[in-house]
């Protein structure tokens, strides 16, 4: 996805990001997923703001 979060306050800032993941049923009633997130901000509002980051996570869902 691509976004321009602040057209009025900081019109040159652009945010590009995507998520992807794999989900599977570990055992009956429990689902697990492995998720990757990438986010890059062009022309951030401040110099201290992180301009690019990546995340990897494991999530679970318990059905009862």
Protein backbone atom coordinates (compact mmCIF):
# COMPACT_ATOMS: atom_id res chain seq x y z
CA UNK A 1 0.00 0.00 0.00
CA UNK A 2 0.99 3.58 -0.46
CA UNK A 3 -0.26 6.47 1.64
CA UNK A 4 0.20 10.23 2.01
CA UNK A 5 -0.68 10.59 5.72
CA UNK A 6 -0.56 14.41 5.94
CA UNK A 7 -1.38 16.34 2.78
CA UNK A 8 -1.83 19.62 4.68
CA UNK A 9 0.96 19.58 7.30
CA UNK A 10 3.70 17.67 5.45
CA UNK A 11 2.71 17.17 1.79
CA UNK A 12 6.00 15.50 0.71
CA UNK A 13 5.75 12.62 3.21
CA UNK A 14 4.84 9.24 1.70
CA UNK A 15 4.39 5.91 3.47
CA UNK A 16 4.88 2.62 1.60
CA UNK A 17 4.19 -0.63 3.43
CA UNK A 18 3.16 -4.24 3.01
CA UNK A 19 2.35 -7.23 5.19
CA UNK A 20 2.47 -10.90 4.31
CA UNK A 21 2.09 -14.05 6.31
CA UNK A 22 1.40 -17.75 6.50
CA UNK A 23 -1.21 -19.27 8.79
CA UNK A 24 -1.67 -22.92 9.67
CA UNK A 25 -3.61 -25.03 12.18
CA UNK A 26 -1.05 -26.42 14.64
CA UNK A 27 -3.55 -28.63 16.47
CA UNK A 28 -7.32 -28.60 16.68
CA UNK A 29 -8.41 -25.25 18.11
CA UNK A 30 -5.02 -23.50 17.81
CA UNK A 31 -3.90 -21.55 14.73
CA UNK A 32 -0.39 -20.11 14.32
CA UNK A 33 0.85 -17.56 11.83
CA UNK A 34 4.20 -16.13 10.82
CA UNK A 35 3.93 -12.51 9.64
CA UNK A 36 6.41 -10.10 7.98
CA UNK A 37 5.84 -6.34 7.83
CA UNK A 38 7.86 -3.78 5.84
CA UNK A 39 7.35 -0.03 6.18
CA UNK A 40 9.26 2.81 4.51
CA UNK A 41 8.59 6.52 5.00
CA UNK A 42 9.92 8.94 2.39
CA UNK A 43 10.58 12.49 3.64
CA UNK A 44 9.68 11.89 7.32
CA UNK A 45 8.26 14.79 9.33
CA UNK A 46 11.25 14.87 11.70
CA UNK A 47 14.86 13.73 11.53
CA UNK A 48 14.38 11.48 14.59
CA UNK A 49 11.60 9.47 12.95
CA UNK A 50 12.59 6.02 11.68
CA UNK A 51 12.42 6.10 7.89
CA UNK A 52 12.44 2.32 7.25
CA UNK A 53 11.76 -0.71 9.41
CA UNK A 54 10.97 -4.39 9.15
CA UNK A 55 9.15 -6.64 11.62
CA UNK A 56 8.76 -10.38 11.91
CA UNK A 57 6.21 -11.86 14.29
CA UNK A 58 4.49 -15.04 15.37
CA UNK A 59 0.82 -14.82 16.27
CA UNK A 60 -1.62 -17.36 17.65
CA UNK A 61 -5.36 -17.79 17.85
CA UNK A 62 -7.09 -20.11 20.32
CA UNK A 63 -10.63 -21.24 19.50
CA UNK A 64 -12.88 -22.35 22.32
